[in-house]
Amino acid sequence: PALSTIQTGPTALSHRAPSTTKRLVFASNLSVYDTFSSTVYDRRSEPATWSRLTPALAQRIKEELNSYKMEEMEVHACSRMQ
């Protein structure tokens, strides 16, 4: 089902700045679609880089990024250190 939020007036709390209250509403219509089964279409994601990050790999990434910044990255003339 589709989700939407409806804004209502300011809250009744006087000690806080006026704000809006959000309310969750579900759509009244339901849509169901055919799709491939899990045996046909693999929906799993690849493992995230951070989950395989070792201190040595983190250091290599840091050095590569710093090297790029110092040697290849374009820097506006006004941003250069004198």
C-alpha atoms as a PDB file:
ATOM      1  CA  PRO A   1       0.000   0.000   0.000  1.00  0.00           C
ATOM      2  CA  ALA A   2       1.077   3.559  -0.665  1.00  0.00           C
ATOM      3  CA  LEU A   3       1.920   5.823   2.276  1.00  0.00           C
ATOM      4  CA  SER A   4       1.289   9.518   2.609  1.00  0.00           C
ATOM      5  CA  THR A   5       1.526  12.075   5.377  1.00  0.00           C
ATOM      6  CA  ILE A   6      -1.035  14.717   6.196  1.00  0.00           C
ATOM      7  CA  GLN A   7       0.045  17.923   7.903  1.00  0.00           C
ATOM      8  CA  THR A   8      -2.186  19.184  10.724  1.00  0.00           C
ATOM      9  CA  GLY A   9      -2.053  22.383  12.731  1.00  0.00           C
ATOM     10  CA  PRO A  10       0.406  23.379  15.476  1.00  0.00           C
ATOM     11  CA  THR A  11       0.729  21.187  18.541  1.00  0.00           C
ATOM     12  CA  ALA A  12      -0.935  22.139  21.818  1.00  0.00           C
ATOM     13  CA  LEU A  13       2.380  22.179  23.728  1.00  0.00           C
ATOM     14  CA  SER A  14       3.002  25.771  24.803  1.00  0.00           C
ATOM     15  CA  HIS A  15       6.611  25.286  25.960  1.00  0.00           C
ATOM     16  CA  ARG A  16       7.799  24.354  22.470  1.00  0.00           C
ATOM     17  CA  ALA A  17       7.970  26.336  19.276  1.00  0.00           C
ATOM     18  CA  PRO A  18       4.921  25.803  17.041  1.00  0.00           C
ATOM     19  CA  SER A  19       5.362  22.825  14.752  1.00  0.00           C
ATOM     20  CA  THR A  20       3.227  20.570  12.628  1.00  0.00           C
ATOM     21  CA  THR A  21       2.024  17.116  13.550  1.00  0.00           C
ATOM     22  CA  LYS A  22       2.360  14.360  10.985  1.00  0.00           C
ATOM     23  CA  ARG A  23      -0.201  11.618  10.604  1.00  0.00           C
ATOM     24  CA  LEU A  24       0.285   8.375   8.694  1.00  0.00           C
ATOM     25  CA  VAL A  25      -2.466   7.319   6.277  1.00  0.00           C
ATOM     26  CA  PHE A  26      -2.575   4.174   4.140  1.00  0.00           C
ATOM     27  CA  ALA A  27      -4.009   4.249   0.628  1.00  0.00           C
ATOM     28  CA  SER A  28      -7.445   2.681   0.244  1.00  0.00           C
ATOM     29  CA  ASN A  29      -6.535   0.796  -2.941  1.00  0.00           C
ATOM     30  CA  LEU A  30      -4.294  -2.275  -3.003  1.00  0.00           C
ATOM     31  CA  SER A  31      -2.069  -3.221  -5.954  1.00  0.00           C
ATOM     32  CA  VAL A  32      -0.544  -6.686  -6.348  1.00  0.00           C
ATOM     33  CA  TYR A  33       1.878  -7.485  -9.171  1.00  0.00           C
ATOM     34  CA  ASP A  34       3.400 -10.735 -10.391  1.00  0.00           C
ATOM     35  CA  THR A  35       7.177 -10.962 -10.163  1.00  0.00           C
ATOM     36  CA  PHE A  36       9.956 -13.522 -10.448  1.00  0.00           C
ATOM     37  CA  SER A  37      10.429 -16.088  -7.685  1.00  0.00           C
ATOM     38  CA  SER A  38      13.534 -16.025  -5.490  1.00  0.00           C
ATOM     39  CA  THR A  39      14.889 -19.060  -7.375  1.00  0.00           C
ATOM     40  CA  VAL A  40      14.789 -17.087 -10.645  1.00  0.00           C
ATOM     41  CA  TYR A  41      15.766 -13.603  -9.425  1.00  0.00           C
ATOM     42  CA  ASP A  42      18.313 -13.165  -6.628  1.00  0.00           C
ATOM     43  CA  ARG A  43      17.364 -10.075  -4.603  1.00  0.00           C
ATOM     44  CA  ARG A  44      20.249 -10.261  -2.149  1.00  0.00           C
ATOM     45  CA  SER A  45      22.612  -7.295  -2.106  1.00  0.00           C
ATOM     46  CA  GLU A  46      26.379  -7.438  -2.243  1.00  0.00           C
ATOM     47  CA  PRO A  47      28.137  -7.183   1.131  1.00  0.00           C
ATOM     48  CA  ALA A  48      28.807  -3.573   2.084  1.00  0.00           C
ATOM     49  CA  THR A  49      32.409  -2.346   1.973  1.00  0.00           C
ATOM     50  CA  TRP A  50      32.360  -1.280   5.620  1.00  0.00           C
ATOM     51  CA  SER A  51      31.610  -4.860   6.710  1.00  0.00           C
ATOM     52  CA  ARG A  52      34.842  -6.079   5.053  1.00  0.00           C
ATOM     53  CA  LEU A  53      36.985  -3.075   6.006  1.00  0.00           C
ATOM     54  CA  THR A  54      40.191  -3.934   7.843  1.00  0.00           C
ATOM     55  CA  PRO A  55      42.508  -1.318   9.386  1.00  0.00           C
ATOM     56  CA  ALA A  56      45.041  -1.985   6.605  1.00  0.00           C
ATOM     57  CA  LEU A  57      42.420  -1.517   3.868  1.00  0.00           C
ATOM     58  CA  ALA A  58      41.158   1.659   5.547  1.00  0.00           C
ATOM     59  CA  GLN A  59      44.716   3.020   5.601  1.00  0.00           C
ATOM     60  CA  ARG A  60      45.222   2.198   1.893  1.00  0.00           C
ATOM     61  CA  ILE A  61      41.962   3.958   0.995  1.00  0.00           C
ATOM     62  CA  LYS A  62      42.968   6.991   3.068  1.00  0.00           C
ATOM     63  CA  GLU A  63      46.394   7.176   1.403  1.00  0.00           C
ATOM     64  CA  GLU A  64      44.902   6.831  -2.082  1.00  0.00           C
ATOM     65  CA  LEU A  65      42.365   9.570  -1.390  1.00  0.00           C
ATOM     66  CA  ASN A  66      44.991  11.912   0.059  1.00  0.00           C
ATOM     67  CA  SER A  67      47.265  11.252  -2.925  1.00  0.00           C
ATOM     68  CA  TYR A  68      44.436  12.116  -5.309  1.00  0.00           C
ATOM     69  CA  LYS A  69      43.692  15.311  -3.401  1.00  0.00           C
ATOM     70  CA  MET A  70      47.345  16.421  -3.432  1.00  0.00           C
ATOM     71  CA  GLU A  71      48.269  15.469  -7.003  1.00  0.00           C
ATOM     72  CA  GLU A  72      45.200  15.267  -9.242  1.00  0.00           C
ATOM     73  CA  MET A  73      42.228  17.101  -7.760  1.00  0.00           C
ATOM     74  CA  GLU A  74      41.535  20.537  -9.190  1.00  0.00           C
ATOM     75  CA  VAL A  75      41.498  23.265  -6.548  1.00  0.00           C
ATOM     76  CA  HIS A  76      40.206  26.787  -7.060  1.00  0.00           C
ATOM     77  CA  ALA A  77      43.001  29.365  -6.881  1.00  0.00           C
ATOM     78  CA  CYS A  78      41.363  31.168  -3.934  1.00  0.00           C
ATOM     79  CA  SER A  79      41.258  27.910  -1.960  1.00  0.00           C
ATOM     80  CA  ARG A  80      44.964  27.145  -2.242  1.00  0.00           C
ATOM     81  CA  MET A  81      47.098  27.548   0.862  1.00  0.00           C
ATOM     82  CA  GLN A  82      49.746  30.241   0.359  1.00  0.00           C
END
